PDB file of N, CA and C in Angstrom:
ATOM      1  N   MET A   1     -37.707 -12.519  12.666  1.00  0.00           N
ATOM      2  CA  MET A   1     -37.787 -13.586  11.786  1.00  0.00           C
ATOM      3  C   MET A   1     -36.892 -14.648  11.543  1.00  0.00           C
ATOM      4  N   ILE A   2     -36.711 -15.597  11.549  1.00  0.00           N
ATOM      5  CA  ILE A   2     -35.400 -16.440  10.272  1.00  0.00           C
ATOM      6  C   ILE A   2     -35.964 -16.961   9.249  1.00  0.00           C
ATOM      7  N   MET A   3     -35.235 -16.755   8.350  1.00  0.00           N
ATOM      8  CA  MET A   3     -35.907 -17.390   6.804  1.00  0.00           C
ATOM      9  C   MET A   3     -35.752 -19.083   7.073  1.00  0.00           C
ATOM     10  N   PRO A   4     -36.508 -20.000   6.270  1.00  0.00           N
ATOM     11  CA  PRO A   4     -36.634 -21.431   6.304  1.00  0.00           C
ATOM     12  C   PRO A   4     -35.468 -21.720   5.806  1.00  0.00           C
ATOM     13  N   MET A   5     -34.376 -21.090   4.485  1.00  0.00           N
ATOM     14  CA  MET A   5     -33.909 -21.391   4.276  1.00  0.00           C
ATOM     15  C   MET A   5     -32.252 -21.730   5.022  1.00  0.00           C
ATOM     16  N   LYS A   6     -32.031 -20.270   5.262  1.00  0.00           N
ATOM     17  CA  LYS A   6     -31.106 -19.556   6.311  1.00  0.00           C
ATOM     18  C   LYS A   6     -31.190 -20.610   7.686  1.00  0.00           C
ATOM     19  N   MET A   7     -31.968 -20.802   8.255  1.00  0.00           N
ATOM     20  CA  MET A   7     -32.382 -21.827   8.999  1.00  0.00           C
ATOM     21  C   MET A   7     -31.912 -23.343   8.871  1.00  0.00           C
ATOM     22  N   LEU A   8     -32.145 -23.685   7.867  1.00  0.00           N
ATOM     23  CA  LEU A   8     -31.390 -25.245   7.544  1.00  0.00           C
ATOM     24  C   LEU A   8     -30.205 -25.009   7.056  1.00  0.00           C
ATOM     25  N   GLU A   9     -29.250 -23.978   6.472  1.00  0.00           N
ATOM     26  CA  GLU A   9     -28.131 -24.077   6.418  1.00  0.00           C
ATOM     27  C   GLU A   9     -27.106 -23.917   7.762  1.00  0.00           C
ATOM     28  N   GLU A  10     -27.989 -23.243   8.612  1.00  0.00           N
ATOM     29  CA  GLU A  10     -26.995 -22.669   9.993  1.00  0.00           C
ATOM     30  C   GLU A  10     -27.252 -24.360  10.608  1.00  0.00           C
ATOM     31  N   ASN A  11     -28.201 -24.798  10.280  1.00  0.00           N
ATOM     32  CA  ASN A  11     -28.290 -26.369  11.509  1.00  0.00           C
ATOM     33  C   ASN A  11     -27.480 -27.710  10.626  1.00  0.00           C
ATOM     34  N   LEU A  12     -27.078 -27.068   9.345  1.00  0.00           N
ATOM     35  CA  LEU A  12     -26.422 -28.567   8.599  1.00  0.00           C
ATOM     36  C   LEU A  12     -25.893 -29.236   9.809  1.00  0.00           C
ATOM     37  N   ASN A  13     -25.973 -30.676   9.327  1.00  0.00           N
ATOM     38  CA  ASN A  13     -25.036 -31.520  10.101  1.00  0.00           C
ATOM     39  C   ASN A  13     -25.196 -30.755  11.629  1.00  0.00           C
ATOM     40  N   LYS A  14     -26.558 -31.226  12.077  1.00  0.00           N
ATOM     41  CA  LYS A  14     -26.922 -30.836  13.535  1.00  0.00           C
ATOM     42  C   LYS A  14     -27.835 -31.436  13.846  1.00  0.00           C
ATOM     43  N   HIS A  15     -28.351 -31.618  15.191  1.00  0.00           N
ATOM     44  CA  HIS A  15     -29.428 -32.334  15.354  1.00  0.00           C
ATOM     45  C   HIS A  15     -31.162 -31.226  14.966  1.00  0.00           C
ATOM     46  N   VAL A  16     -32.035 -31.633  14.529  1.00  0.00           N
ATOM     47  CA  VAL A  16     -33.286 -30.956  14.417  1.00  0.00           C
ATOM     48  C   VAL A  16     -34.382 -31.907  14.622  1.00  0.00           C
ATOM     49  N   ALA A  17     -35.539 -31.452  14.801  1.00  0.00           N
ATOM     50  CA  ALA A  17     -37.193 -32.258  14.629  1.00  0.00           C
ATOM     51  C   ALA A  17     -37.706 -31.704  13.895  1.00  0.00           C
ATOM     52  N   LEU A  18     -38.276 -32.826  13.127  1.00  0.00           N
ATOM     53  CA  LEU A  18     -39.573 -31.999  11.984  1.00  0.00           C
ATOM     54  C   LEU A  18     -40.748 -32.894  12.223  1.00  0.00           C
ATOM     55  N   LEU A  19     -41.713 -31.508  12.449  1.00  0.00           N
ATOM     56  CA  LEU A  19     -42.995 -31.914  12.831  1.00  0.00           C
ATOM     57  C   LEU A  19     -43.765 -31.731  10.985  1.00  0.00           C
ATOM     58  N   LEU A  20     -44.304 -33.199  11.164  1.00  0.00           N
ATOM     59  CA  LEU A  20     -44.344 -33.317   9.508  1.00  0.00           C
ATOM     60  C   LEU A  20     -46.495 -32.816   9.828  1.00  0.00           C
ATOM     61  N   LYS A  21     -46.894 -33.104   8.441  1.00  0.00           N
ATOM     62  CA  LYS A  21     -48.254 -32.964   8.348  1.00  0.00           C
ATOM     63  C   LYS A  21     -49.545 -34.063   8.571  1.00  0.00           C
ATOM     64  N   ASP A  22     -48.651 -35.074   8.995  1.00  0.00           N
ATOM     65  CA  ASP A  22     -49.256 -36.220   9.803  1.00  0.00           C
ATOM     66  C   ASP A  22     -49.599 -36.388  11.200  1.00  0.00           C
ATOM     67  N   ASN A  23     -48.742 -35.260  11.884  1.00  0.00           N
ATOM     68  CA  ASN A  23     -48.778 -35.293  13.350  1.00  0.00           C
ATOM     69  C   ASN A  23     -46.916 -36.196  13.896  1.00  0.00           C
ATOM     70  N   ARG A  24     -46.717 -36.546  12.770  1.00  0.00           N
ATOM     71  CA  ARG A  24     -45.372 -37.693  13.377  1.00  0.00           C
ATOM     72  C   ARG A  24     -44.157 -36.226  13.319  1.00  0.00           C
ATOM     73  N   VAL A  25     -43.527 -36.590  14.426  1.00  0.00           N
ATOM     74  CA  VAL A  25     -41.945 -36.092  14.860  1.00  0.00           C
ATOM     75  C   VAL A  25     -41.064 -36.741  14.034  1.00  0.00           C
ATOM     76  N   LEU A  26     -39.990 -36.440  13.559  1.00  0.00           N
ATOM     77  CA  LEU A  26     -38.914 -37.330  13.082  1.00  0.00           C
ATOM     78  C   LEU A  26     -37.765 -35.892  13.788  1.00  0.00           C
ATOM     79  N   GLU A  27     -36.544 -36.739  13.878  1.00  0.00           N
ATOM     80  CA  GLU A  27     -35.529 -36.118  14.698  1.00  0.00           C
ATOM     81  C   GLU A  27     -34.152 -36.862  14.301  1.00  0.00           C
ATOM     82  N   GLY A  28     -33.482 -36.171  13.989  1.00  0.00           N
ATOM     83  CA  GLY A  28     -32.082 -36.764  13.319  1.00  0.00           C
ATOM     84  C   GLY A  28     -31.141 -35.532  13.018  1.00  0.00           C
ATOM     85  N   VAL A  29     -30.254 -35.887  12.512  1.00  0.00           N
ATOM     86  CA  VAL A  29     -29.333 -35.176  12.060  1.00  0.00           C
ATOM     87  C   VAL A  29     -29.466 -34.506  10.388  1.00  0.00           C
ATOM     88  N   LEU A  30     -29.263 -33.671  10.204  1.00  0.00           N
ATOM     89  CA  LEU A  30     -29.430 -32.623   9.273  1.00  0.00           C
ATOM     90  C   LEU A  30     -28.809 -32.854   8.262  1.00  0.00           C
ATOM     91  N   SER A  31     -28.630 -33.547   7.101  1.00  0.00           N
ATOM     92  CA  SER A  31     -27.230 -34.285   6.254  1.00  0.00           C
ATOM     93  C   SER A  31     -27.309 -33.475   5.006  1.00  0.00           C
ATOM     94  N   GLY A  32     -28.407 -32.476   4.899  1.00  0.00           N
ATOM     95  CA  GLY A  32     -28.241 -32.278   3.215  1.00  0.00           C
ATOM     96  C   GLY A  32     -29.832 -31.965   3.003  1.00  0.00           C
ATOM     97  N   TYR A  33     -30.178 -30.970   2.276  1.00  0.00           N
ATOM     98  CA  TYR A  33     -31.263 -30.091   1.575  1.00  0.00           C
ATOM     99  C   TYR A  33     -31.003 -29.435   0.383  1.00  0.00           C
ATOM    100  N   ASP A  34     -32.383 -29.480  -0.272  1.00  0.00           N
ATOM    101  CA  ASP A  34     -32.146 -28.699  -1.713  1.00  0.00           C
ATOM    102  C   ASP A  34     -33.291 -27.495  -1.567  1.00  0.00           C
ATOM    103  N   GLU A  35     -33.561 -26.767  -3.043  1.00  0.00           N
ATOM    104  CA  GLU A  35     -33.704 -25.298  -2.941  1.00  0.00           C
ATOM    105  C   GLU A  35     -35.677 -25.893  -2.930  1.00  0.00           C
ATOM    106  N   TYR A  36     -36.034 -26.901  -2.710  1.00  0.00           N
ATOM    107  CA  TYR A  36     -37.521 -26.831  -2.357  1.00  0.00           C
ATOM    108  C   TYR A  36     -37.368 -27.514  -0.881  1.00  0.00           C
ATOM    109  N   MET A  37     -36.548 -27.508  -0.460  1.00  0.00           N
ATOM    110  CA  MET A  37     -36.666 -27.749   1.238  1.00  0.00           C
ATOM    111  C   MET A  37     -36.811 -28.768   1.379  1.00  0.00           C
ATOM    112  N   ASN A  38     -36.755 -29.670   0.128  1.00  0.00           N
ATOM    113  CA  ASN A  38     -36.427 -31.383   0.592  1.00  0.00           C
ATOM    114  C   ASN A  38     -35.344 -31.372   1.620  1.00  0.00           C
ATOM    115  N   MET A  39     -35.555 -32.725   2.407  1.00  0.00           N
ATOM    116  CA  MET A  39     -34.262 -33.023   3.596  1.00  0.00           C
ATOM    117  C   MET A  39     -33.743 -34.506   3.412  1.00  0.00           C
ATOM    118  N   VAL A  40     -32.462 -34.410   4.016  1.00  0.00           N
ATOM    119  CA  VAL A  40     -32.131 -35.869   4.111  1.00  0.00           C
ATOM    120  C   VAL A  40     -31.781 -35.433   5.585  1.00  0.00           C
ATOM    121  N   LEU A  41     -32.555 -36.468   6.578  1.00  0.00           N
ATOM    122  CA  LEU A  41     -31.909 -36.997   8.061  1.00  0.00           C
ATOM    123  C   LEU A  41     -31.096 -37.890   7.744  1.00  0.00           C
ATOM    124  N   ASP A  42     -30.213 -37.865   9.048  1.00  0.00           N
ATOM    125  CA  ASP A  42     -29.420 -39.363   9.366  1.00  0.00           C
ATOM    126  C   ASP A  42     -29.640 -39.701  10.751  1.00  0.00           C
ATOM    127  N   ASP A  43     -29.569 -41.055  11.115  1.00  0.00           N
ATOM    128  CA  ASP A  43     -29.738 -41.250  12.581  1.00  0.00           C
ATOM    129  C   ASP A  43     -30.994 -40.822  13.104  1.00  0.00           C
ATOM    130  N   VAL A  44     -32.593 -41.190  12.490  1.00  0.00           N
ATOM    131  CA  VAL A  44     -33.443 -40.363  12.611  1.00  0.00           C
ATOM    132  C   VAL A  44     -34.695 -41.454  13.607  1.00  0.00           C
ATOM    133  N   GLN A  45     -34.822 -41.018  14.199  1.00  0.00           N
ATOM    134  CA  GLN A  45     -35.933 -41.440  14.917  1.00  0.00           C
ATOM    135  C   GLN A  45     -37.451 -40.686  14.973  1.00  0.00           C
ATOM    136  N   GLU A  46     -38.446 -41.795  14.210  1.00  0.00           N
ATOM    137  CA  GLU A  46     -39.481 -41.253  14.053  1.00  0.00           C
ATOM    138  C   GLU A  46     -40.808 -41.373  15.513  1.00  0.00           C
ATOM    139  N   SER A  47     -41.522 -40.158  15.865  1.00  0.00           N
ATOM    140  CA  SER A  47     -42.333 -40.652  16.669  1.00  0.00           C
ATOM    141  C   SER A  47     -43.529 -40.082  16.623  1.00  0.00           C
ATOM    142  N   ASP A  48     -44.976 -40.602  17.417  1.00  0.00           N
ATOM    143  CA  ASP A  48     -46.113 -40.531  16.779  1.00  0.00           C
ATOM    144  C   ASP A  48     -46.697 -40.630  18.304  1.00  0.00           C
ATOM    145  N   GLU A  49     -47.973 -40.736  18.416  1.00  0.00           N
ATOM    146  CA  GLU A  49     -48.614 -40.921  19.705  1.00  0.00           C
ATOM    147  C   GLU A  49     -47.799 -41.806  21.304  1.00  0.00           C
ATOM    148  N   GLU A  50     -47.805 -43.067  20.336  1.00  0.00           N
ATOM    149  CA  GLU A  50     -47.793 -44.080  20.858  1.00  0.00           C
ATOM    150  C   GLU A  50     -46.171 -45.132  21.012  1.00  0.00           C
ATOM    151  N   VAL A  51     -45.959 -44.959  19.603  1.00  0.00           N
ATOM    152  CA  VAL A  51     -44.542 -45.363  19.371  1.00  0.00           C
ATOM    153  C   VAL A  51     -43.427 -44.512  18.963  1.00  0.00           C
ATOM    154  N   THR A  52     -42.382 -45.278  19.212  1.00  0.00           N
ATOM    155  CA  THR A  52     -40.973 -44.682  18.664  1.00  0.00           C
ATOM    156  C   THR A  52     -40.156 -45.765  18.087  1.00  0.00           C
ATOM    157  N   ARG A  53     -39.965 -45.370  16.558  1.00  0.00           N
ATOM    158  CA  ARG A  53     -38.945 -46.316  16.138  1.00  0.00           C
ATOM    159  C   ARG A  53     -37.818 -45.390  14.897  1.00  0.00           C
ATOM    160  N   LYS A  54     -36.765 -46.587  14.904  1.00  0.00           N
ATOM    161  CA  LYS A  54     -35.822 -46.108  14.431  1.00  0.00           C
ATOM    162  C   LYS A  54     -35.340 -46.479  13.141  1.00  0.00           C
ATOM    163  N   LEU A  55     -35.294 -45.030  12.352  1.00  0.00           N
ATOM    164  CA  LEU A  55     -35.496 -45.627  10.939  1.00  0.00           C
ATOM    165  C   LEU A  55     -34.027 -45.151   9.861  1.00  0.00           C
ATOM    166  N   GLY A  56     -33.122 -44.716  10.660  1.00  0.00           N
ATOM    167  CA  GLY A  56     -31.772 -44.609   9.906  1.00  0.00           C
ATOM    168  C   GLY A  56     -31.578 -43.234   8.713  1.00  0.00           C
ATOM    169  N   THR A  57     -31.193 -43.428   7.794  1.00  0.00           N
ATOM    170  CA  THR A  57     -31.363 -42.342   6.509  1.00  0.00           C
ATOM    171  C   THR A  57     -32.768 -41.727   5.809  1.00  0.00           C
ATOM    172  N   VAL A  58     -33.355 -40.765   5.965  1.00  0.00           N
ATOM    173  CA  VAL A  58     -34.317 -40.574   5.517  1.00  0.00           C
ATOM    174  C   VAL A  58     -34.337 -39.547   4.737  1.00  0.00           C
ATOM    175  N   ILE A  59     -35.036 -39.433   3.501  1.00  0.00           N
ATOM    176  CA  ILE A  59     -35.507 -38.051   2.893  1.00  0.00           C
ATOM    177  C   ILE A  59     -36.684 -38.090   2.732  1.00  0.00           C
ATOM    178  N   ILE A  60     -36.667 -36.568   3.063  1.00  0.00           N
ATOM    179  CA  ILE A  60     -38.072 -35.529   3.409  1.00  0.00           C
ATOM    180  C   ILE A  60     -38.583 -35.011   2.316  1.00  0.00           C
ATOM    181  N   ARG A  61     -40.064 -34.936   2.016  1.00  0.00           N
ATOM    182  CA  ARG A  61     -40.211 -33.891   0.919  1.00  0.00           C
ATOM    183  C   ARG A  61     -40.505 -32.396   1.591  1.00  0.00           C
ATOM    184  N   GLY A  62     -39.998 -31.619   1.239  1.00  0.00           N
ATOM    185  CA  GLY A  62     -40.130 -30.087   1.948  1.00  0.00           C
ATOM    186  C   GLY A  62     -41.788 -29.573   2.103  1.00  0.00           C
ATOM    187  N   SER A  63     -42.283 -30.608   1.372  1.00  0.00           N
ATOM    188  CA  SER A  63     -43.839 -30.063   1.695  1.00  0.00           C
ATOM    189  C   SER A  63     -45.000 -30.415   2.545  1.00  0.00           C
ATOM    190  N   ASN A  64     -44.254 -31.874   3.179  1.00  0.00           N
ATOM    191  CA  ASN A  64     -44.727 -32.199   4.273  1.00  0.00           C
ATOM    192  C   ASN A  64     -44.379 -31.809   5.464  1.00  0.00           C
ATOM    193  N   VAL A  65     -43.201 -31.033   5.760  1.00  0.00           N
ATOM    194  CA  VAL A  65     -42.758 -30.289   6.876  1.00  0.00           C
ATOM    195  C   VAL A  65     -43.958 -29.480   7.509  1.00  0.00           C
ATOM    196  N   VAL A  66     -43.899 -29.141   8.670  1.00  0.00           N
ATOM    197  CA  VAL A  66     -44.758 -28.318   9.118  1.00  0.00           C
ATOM    198  C   VAL A  66     -43.822 -27.257   9.901  1.00  0.00           C
ATOM    199  N   ARG A  67     -43.627 -28.216  10.440  1.00  0.00           N
ATOM    200  CA  ARG A  67     -41.820 -26.957  11.350  1.00  0.00           C
ATOM    201  C   ARG A  67     -40.730 -27.404  11.513  1.00  0.00           C
ATOM    202  N   ILE A  68     -39.877 -27.222  11.906  1.00  0.00           N
ATOM    203  CA  ILE A  68     -38.614 -27.734  12.161  1.00  0.00           C
ATOM    204  C   ILE A  68     -38.014 -27.166  13.239  1.00  0.00           C
ATOM    205  N   VAL A  69     -37.553 -27.693  14.248  1.00  0.00           N
ATOM    206  CA  VAL A  69     -36.850 -27.283  15.455  1.00  0.00           C
ATOM    207  C   VAL A  69     -35.473 -27.682  15.911  1.00  0.00           C
ATOM    208  N   PRO A  70     -34.517 -26.650  15.578  1.00  0.00           N
ATOM    209  CA  PRO A  70     -33.226 -26.812  15.841  1.00  0.00           C
ATOM    210  C   PRO A  70     -33.420 -27.343  17.467  1.00  0.00           C
ATOM    211  N   ARG A  71     -32.386 -28.753  17.840  1.00  0.00           N
ATOM    212  CA  ARG A  71     -32.436 -29.420  19.061  1.00  0.00           C
ATOM    213  C   ARG A  71     -30.809 -28.954  19.801  1.00  0.00           C
TER     214      ARG A  71
END
């Protein structure tokens, strides 16, 4: 099993998909993170059941993330 911080380190500046607690999915390039697993993503697209939106750069609070999937 891979540790979350190691996975973030290995995927820095790569495409990832995040599943959030509210069931939204954010996909973008992981450009930064901190020790609390707060993340900065660039070129983000947000998807829910019905709509996909382009958001640009976003900061995600680590406690809102359920799953991180490398793309």
